[in-house]
Amino acid sequence: MKMKKDLNVLKIFASNVFTYKTMRKYLSKEKCNKLKNIIDNNLELDNDLASYIADAMKRWAVKHGATHYTHWFVPLSGVTAEKHNSFLSPLSDGTVILDFPTESLVTGESDASSFPSRRA
């Protein structure tokens, strides 16, 4: 299969990933450095920073046309799984807001024992 001449794989690869380069555009220098230190040193992410990052990630994702996000994980079964959530949260008056809860960044995954299983 021939690729189109105008398709630049190097330009589009990871263009829809919230990379460190992207983070620098959406986070303050201080918050970006703090997050980099947490990642580099395997430290725990505090709720204040997680909330700030969640808002930045939501703004970036929505700007790129996203309406949902996926949490990808490996339960104890060793088989990968995904949980899809929407940025849209309904309000009691019938309208919606864009939301990306901080818990989505800091909550660990259970062993997925509540998910359907083929085991008897």
N, C-alpha and C. Protein backbone atom coordinates (compact mmCIF):
# COMPACT_ATOMS: atom_id res chain seq x y z
N MET A 1 0.84 -1.18 0.00
CA MET A 1 0.00 0.00 0.00
C MET A 1 0.88 1.24 0.00
N LYS A 2 0.64 2.14 -0.95
CA LYS A 2 1.41 3.37 -1.05
C LYS A 2 0.79 4.44 -0.16
N MET A 3 1.66 5.15 0.57
CA MET A 3 1.17 6.27 1.37
C MET A 3 1.10 7.51 0.50
N LYS A 4 0.14 8.37 0.80
CA LYS A 4 0.03 9.62 0.07
C LYS A 4 1.30 10.44 0.28
N LYS A 5 1.71 11.16 -0.73
CA LYS A 5 2.92 11.98 -0.63
C LYS A 5 2.80 13.05 0.44
N ASP A 6 1.58 13.57 0.65
CA ASP A 6 1.42 14.67 1.62
C ASP A 6 1.25 14.17 3.05
N LEU A 7 1.22 12.87 3.27
CA LEU A 7 1.09 12.32 4.61
C LEU A 7 2.46 12.29 5.28
N ASN A 8 2.62 13.08 6.33
CA ASN A 8 3.89 13.15 7.03
C ASN A 8 3.74 12.44 8.37
N VAL A 9 4.13 11.19 8.43
CA VAL A 9 3.97 10.36 9.62
C VAL A 9 4.66 10.99 10.83
N LEU A 10 5.83 11.56 10.63
CA LEU A 10 6.56 12.16 11.74
C LEU A 10 5.81 13.36 12.32
N LYS A 11 5.05 14.03 11.49
CA LYS A 11 4.29 15.19 11.96
C LYS A 11 3.05 14.77 12.73
N ILE A 12 2.39 13.69 12.29
CA ILE A 12 1.13 13.31 12.93
C ILE A 12 1.30 12.32 14.07
N PHE A 13 2.46 11.63 14.15
CA PHE A 13 2.65 10.65 15.21
C PHE A 13 2.55 11.33 16.57
N ALA A 14 1.70 10.80 17.44
CA ALA A 14 1.47 11.30 18.81
C ALA A 14 0.91 12.71 18.84
N SER A 15 0.33 13.17 17.73
CA SER A 15 -0.22 14.53 17.71
C SER A 15 -1.46 14.65 18.60
N ASN A 16 -2.07 13.53 18.95
CA ASN A 16 -3.23 13.55 19.84
C ASN A 16 -2.92 12.91 21.19
N VAL A 17 -1.70 13.14 21.67
CA VAL A 17 -1.26 12.63 22.96
C VAL A 17 -0.85 13.82 23.82
N PHE A 18 -1.28 13.81 25.06
CA PHE A 18 -0.95 14.90 26.00
C PHE A 18 0.48 14.68 26.50
N THR A 19 1.45 14.99 25.64
CA THR A 19 2.86 14.77 25.92
C THR A 19 3.42 15.87 26.82
N TYR A 20 4.67 15.69 27.23
CA TYR A 20 5.33 16.72 28.04
C TYR A 20 5.41 18.04 27.28
N LYS A 21 5.68 17.95 25.98
CA LYS A 21 5.73 19.17 25.14
C LYS A 21 4.37 19.87 25.15
N THR A 22 3.30 19.10 25.07
CA THR A 22 1.95 19.65 25.12
C THR A 22 1.65 20.22 26.50
N MET A 23 2.06 19.50 27.54
CA MET A 23 1.84 19.97 28.91
C MET A 23 2.39 21.37 29.12
N ARG A 24 3.57 21.63 28.55
CA ARG A 24 4.20 22.94 28.74
C ARG A 24 3.35 24.07 28.17
N LYS A 25 2.49 23.76 27.21
CA LYS A 25 1.60 24.77 26.63
C LYS A 25 0.36 25.01 27.49
N TYR A 26 -0.01 24.03 28.30
CA TYR A 26 -1.26 24.10 29.06
C TYR A 26 -1.07 24.24 30.57
N LEU A 27 0.14 24.04 31.06
CA LEU A 27 0.41 24.17 32.49
C LEU A 27 1.38 25.32 32.72
N SER A 28 1.29 25.96 33.87
CA SER A 28 2.29 26.98 34.20
C SER A 28 3.65 26.31 34.31
N LYS A 29 4.70 27.10 34.20
CA LYS A 29 6.06 26.54 34.28
C LYS A 29 6.27 25.85 35.63
N GLU A 30 5.78 26.47 36.69
CA GLU A 30 5.92 25.90 38.03
C GLU A 30 5.23 24.55 38.14
N LYS A 31 3.97 24.48 37.68
CA LYS A 31 3.20 23.23 37.77
C LYS A 31 3.79 22.16 36.87
N CYS A 32 4.27 22.56 35.71
CA CYS A 32 4.87 21.61 34.78
C CYS A 32 6.14 21.01 35.39
N ASN A 33 6.97 21.85 36.00
CA ASN A 33 8.19 21.35 36.65
C ASN A 33 7.86 20.43 37.82
N LYS A 34 6.82 20.79 38.57
CA LYS A 34 6.41 19.96 39.70
C LYS A 34 5.94 18.59 39.21
N LEU A 35 5.14 18.57 38.14
CA LEU A 35 4.66 17.31 37.58
C LEU A 35 5.82 16.48 37.04
N LYS A 36 6.75 17.12 36.34
CA LYS A 36 7.90 16.39 35.80
C LYS A 36 8.70 15.75 36.94
N ASN A 37 8.88 16.46 38.05
CA ASN A 37 9.59 15.92 39.20
C ASN A 37 8.85 14.71 39.78
N ILE A 38 7.53 14.80 39.85
CA ILE A 38 6.71 13.69 40.36
C ILE A 38 6.86 12.47 39.45
N ILE A 39 6.81 12.69 38.15
CA ILE A 39 6.93 11.57 37.20
C ILE A 39 8.34 10.98 37.26
N ASP A 40 9.34 11.84 37.21
CA ASP A 40 10.74 11.37 37.18
C ASP A 40 11.13 10.61 38.45
N ASN A 41 10.55 11.01 39.58
CA ASN A 41 10.94 10.40 40.86
C ASN A 41 9.89 9.47 41.44
N ASN A 42 8.86 9.16 40.63
CA ASN A 42 7.82 8.23 41.04
C ASN A 42 7.18 8.65 42.37
N LEU A 43 6.85 9.95 42.46
CA LEU A 43 6.23 10.48 43.67
C LEU A 43 4.72 10.48 43.52
N GLU A 44 4.02 10.69 44.61
CA GLU A 44 2.56 10.72 44.59
C GLU A 44 2.05 12.08 44.13
N LEU A 45 1.05 12.07 43.28
CA LEU A 45 0.42 13.28 42.77
C LEU A 45 -0.58 13.79 43.78
N ASP A 46 -0.42 15.05 44.23
CA ASP A 46 -1.36 15.59 45.21
C ASP A 46 -2.62 16.08 44.51
N ASN A 47 -3.71 16.19 45.26
CA ASN A 47 -5.02 16.54 44.69
C ASN A 47 -5.06 17.92 44.06
N ASP A 48 -4.36 18.89 44.63
CA ASP A 48 -4.37 20.23 44.04
C ASP A 48 -3.75 20.24 42.65
N LEU A 49 -2.60 19.60 42.53
CA LEU A 49 -1.94 19.54 41.22
C LEU A 49 -2.76 18.67 40.26
N ALA A 50 -3.31 17.59 40.75
CA ALA A 50 -4.13 16.72 39.90
C ALA A 50 -5.33 17.48 39.35
N SER A 51 -5.95 18.31 40.15
CA SER A 51 -7.09 19.11 39.71
C SER A 51 -6.69 20.09 38.61
N TYR A 52 -5.55 20.72 38.80
CA TYR A 52 -5.01 21.66 37.82
C TYR A 52 -4.71 20.94 36.50
N ILE A 53 -4.09 19.76 36.60
CA ILE A 53 -3.74 18.98 35.41
C ILE A 53 -5.00 18.46 34.72
N ALA A 54 -5.96 18.00 35.49
CA ALA A 54 -7.21 17.50 34.91
C ALA A 54 -7.89 18.59 34.09
N ASP A 55 -7.91 19.81 34.60
CA ASP A 55 -8.52 20.92 33.87
C ASP A 55 -7.75 21.20 32.58
N ALA A 56 -6.42 21.19 32.65
CA ALA A 56 -5.60 21.43 31.47
C ALA A 56 -5.81 20.34 30.43
N MET A 57 -5.85 19.09 30.88
CA MET A 57 -6.06 17.97 29.96
C MET A 57 -7.43 18.05 29.29
N LYS A 58 -8.44 18.42 30.07
CA LYS A 58 -9.79 18.55 29.52
C LYS A 58 -9.82 19.64 28.45
N ARG A 59 -9.21 20.81 28.75
CA ARG A 59 -9.19 21.91 27.78
C ARG A 59 -8.49 21.48 26.49
N TRP A 60 -7.35 20.79 26.63
CA TRP A 60 -6.60 20.34 25.47
C TRP A 60 -7.42 19.32 24.66
N ALA A 61 -8.02 18.36 25.35
CA ALA A 61 -8.77 17.31 24.67
C ALA A 61 -9.99 17.86 23.93
N VAL A 62 -10.74 18.73 24.60
CA VAL A 62 -11.93 19.32 23.98
C VAL A 62 -11.53 20.17 22.77
N LYS A 63 -10.41 20.88 22.89
CA LYS A 63 -9.92 21.68 21.76
C LYS A 63 -9.63 20.78 20.55
N HIS A 64 -9.26 19.53 20.81
CA HIS A 64 -8.98 18.58 19.74
C HIS A 64 -10.21 17.77 19.35
N GLY A 65 -11.38 18.15 19.84
CA GLY A 65 -12.63 17.52 19.42
C GLY A 65 -13.07 16.33 20.26
N ALA A 66 -12.40 16.06 21.37
CA ALA A 66 -12.76 14.91 22.20
C ALA A 66 -14.05 15.18 22.97
N THR A 67 -14.86 14.16 23.11
CA THR A 67 -16.06 14.23 23.95
C THR A 67 -15.98 13.20 25.07
N HIS A 68 -15.07 12.21 24.94
CA HIS A 68 -14.91 11.13 25.90
C HIS A 68 -13.43 10.89 26.18
N TYR A 69 -13.15 10.22 27.26
CA TYR A 69 -11.79 9.79 27.56
C TYR A 69 -11.84 8.34 28.02
N THR A 70 -10.72 7.65 27.89
CA THR A 70 -10.65 6.23 28.22
C THR A 70 -9.60 5.99 29.28
N HIS A 71 -9.97 5.19 30.25
CA HIS A 71 -9.02 4.73 31.26
C HIS A 71 -8.66 3.31 30.85
N TRP A 72 -7.41 3.10 30.49
CA TRP A 72 -6.92 1.79 30.06
C TRP A 72 -6.15 1.19 31.22
N PHE A 73 -6.42 -0.07 31.53
CA PHE A 73 -5.77 -0.68 32.67
C PHE A 73 -5.63 -2.19 32.46
N VAL A 74 -4.81 -2.80 33.32
CA VAL A 74 -4.59 -4.25 33.28
C VAL A 74 -5.03 -4.81 34.63
N PRO A 75 -6.23 -5.40 34.69
CA PRO A 75 -6.70 -6.02 35.94
C PRO A 75 -5.81 -7.21 36.33
N LEU A 76 -6.03 -7.75 37.49
CA LEU A 76 -5.24 -8.88 37.97
C LEU A 76 -5.32 -10.09 37.05
N SER A 77 -6.35 -10.13 36.21
CA SER A 77 -6.48 -11.24 35.27
C SER A 77 -5.38 -11.21 34.21
N GLY A 78 -4.72 -10.03 34.05
CA GLY A 78 -3.65 -9.90 33.06
C GLY A 78 -4.15 -9.51 31.68
N VAL A 79 -5.46 -9.43 31.50
CA VAL A 79 -6.05 -9.03 30.23
C VAL A 79 -6.36 -7.54 30.31
N THR A 80 -6.04 -6.79 29.27
CA THR A 80 -6.29 -5.36 29.30
C THR A 80 -7.78 -5.06 29.25
N ALA A 81 -8.13 -3.90 29.78
CA ALA A 81 -9.53 -3.46 29.79
C ALA A 81 -9.58 -1.94 29.63
N GLU A 82 -10.72 -1.44 29.27
CA GLU A 82 -10.91 0.00 29.12
C GLU A 82 -12.22 0.41 29.77
N LYS A 83 -12.23 1.61 30.29
CA LYS A 83 -13.45 2.20 30.81
C LYS A 83 -13.59 3.56 30.13
N HIS A 84 -14.69 3.77 29.44
CA HIS A 84 -14.93 5.01 28.69
C HIS A 84 -15.83 5.93 29.49
N ASN A 85 -15.45 7.20 29.57
CA ASN A 85 -16.24 8.21 30.26
C ASN A 85 -16.40 9.43 29.37
N SER A 86 -17.45 10.18 29.60
CA SER A 86 -17.71 11.38 28.83
C SER A 86 -17.24 12.62 29.58
N PHE A 87 -16.77 13.62 28.84
CA PHE A 87 -16.48 14.93 29.44
C PHE A 87 -17.78 15.66 29.78
N LEU A 88 -18.88 15.23 29.16
CA LEU A 88 -20.17 15.89 29.36
C LEU A 88 -20.86 15.31 30.59
N SER A 89 -21.24 16.19 31.50
CA SER A 89 -21.98 15.76 32.70
C SER A 89 -23.30 16.50 32.74
N PRO A 90 -24.41 15.76 32.79
CA PRO A 90 -25.72 16.41 32.80
C PRO A 90 -26.00 17.11 34.13
N LEU A 91 -26.70 18.22 34.03
CA LEU A 91 -27.15 18.95 35.21
C LEU A 91 -28.65 18.77 35.37
N SER A 92 -29.16 19.07 36.54
CA SER A 92 -30.58 18.85 36.83
C SER A 92 -31.50 19.73 35.98
N ASP A 93 -30.98 20.85 35.44
CA ASP A 93 -31.82 21.73 34.62
C ASP A 93 -31.85 21.33 33.15
N GLY A 94 -31.26 20.18 32.82
CA GLY A 94 -31.28 19.68 31.45
C GLY A 94 -30.10 20.12 30.61
N THR A 95 -29.24 20.95 31.15
CA THR A 95 -28.04 21.36 30.42
C THR A 95 -26.88 20.44 30.80
N VAL A 96 -25.74 20.66 30.19
CA VAL A 96 -24.56 19.86 30.51
C VAL A 96 -23.37 20.78 30.76
N ILE A 97 -22.39 20.25 31.46
CA ILE A 97 -21.12 20.94 31.65
C ILE A 97 -20.01 20.02 31.18
N LEU A 98 -18.87 20.60 30.84
CA LEU A 98 -17.69 19.81 30.53
C LEU A 98 -16.96 19.55 31.83
N ASP A 99 -16.67 18.30 32.11
CA ASP A 99 -16.06 17.94 33.39
C ASP A 99 -15.04 16.83 33.19
N PHE A 100 -13.93 16.93 33.89
CA PHE A 100 -12.94 15.85 33.95
C PHE A 100 -12.51 15.78 35.40
N PRO A 101 -13.17 14.95 36.19
CA PRO A 101 -12.94 14.93 37.64
C PRO A 101 -11.49 14.59 38.00
N THR A 102 -10.99 15.26 39.01
CA THR A 102 -9.64 15.01 39.50
C THR A 102 -9.45 13.54 39.82
N GLU A 103 -10.48 12.88 40.32
CA GLU A 103 -10.40 11.47 40.69
C GLU A 103 -9.99 10.60 39.50
N SER A 104 -10.26 11.08 38.29
CA SER A 104 -9.90 10.32 37.10
C SER A 104 -8.38 10.20 36.94
N LEU A 105 -7.65 11.11 37.58
CA LEU A 105 -6.19 11.06 37.50
C LEU A 105 -5.56 10.36 38.69
N VAL A 106 -6.22 10.38 39.84
CA VAL A 106 -5.56 9.90 41.06
C VAL A 106 -6.15 8.63 41.64
N THR A 107 -7.25 8.14 41.11
CA THR A 107 -7.87 6.94 41.65
C THR A 107 -7.26 5.71 41.01
N GLY A 108 -6.85 4.78 41.83
CA GLY A 108 -6.33 3.51 41.32
C GLY A 108 -7.47 2.63 40.87
N GLU A 109 -7.12 1.61 40.12
CA GLU A 109 -8.13 0.69 39.61
C GLU A 109 -8.22 -0.52 40.53
N SER A 110 -9.41 -0.97 40.72
CA SER A 110 -9.60 -2.19 41.51
C SER A 110 -9.15 -3.39 40.67
N ASP A 111 -9.35 -4.56 41.18
CA ASP A 111 -8.97 -5.76 40.42
C ASP A 111 -10.00 -6.11 39.36
N ALA A 112 -10.99 -5.25 39.17
CA ALA A 112 -12.03 -5.41 38.15
C ALA A 112 -12.93 -6.61 38.43
N SER A 113 -13.01 -7.03 39.68
CA SER A 113 -13.83 -8.18 39.99
C SER A 113 -15.31 -7.90 39.78
N SER A 114 -15.68 -6.63 39.68
CA SER A 114 -17.09 -6.31 39.46
C SER A 114 -17.46 -6.36 37.98
N PHE A 115 -16.46 -6.47 37.11
CA PHE A 115 -16.74 -6.56 35.68
C PHE A 115 -17.20 -7.98 35.34
N PRO A 116 -18.03 -8.13 34.30
CA PRO A 116 -18.45 -9.46 33.90
C PRO A 116 -17.25 -10.34 33.55
N SER A 117 -17.36 -11.59 33.84
CA SER A 117 -16.25 -12.51 33.60
C SER A 117 -16.80 -13.81 33.01
N ARG A 118 -15.96 -14.49 32.24
CA ARG A 118 -16.36 -15.79 31.68
C ARG A 118 -16.07 -16.93 32.65
N ARG A 119 -15.44 -16.63 33.72
CA ARG A 119 -15.11 -17.68 34.69
C ARG A 119 -16.38 -18.16 35.40
N ALA A 120 -16.43 -19.43 35.65
CA ALA A 120 -17.60 -20.01 36.31
C ALA A 120 -17.51 -19.84 37.81
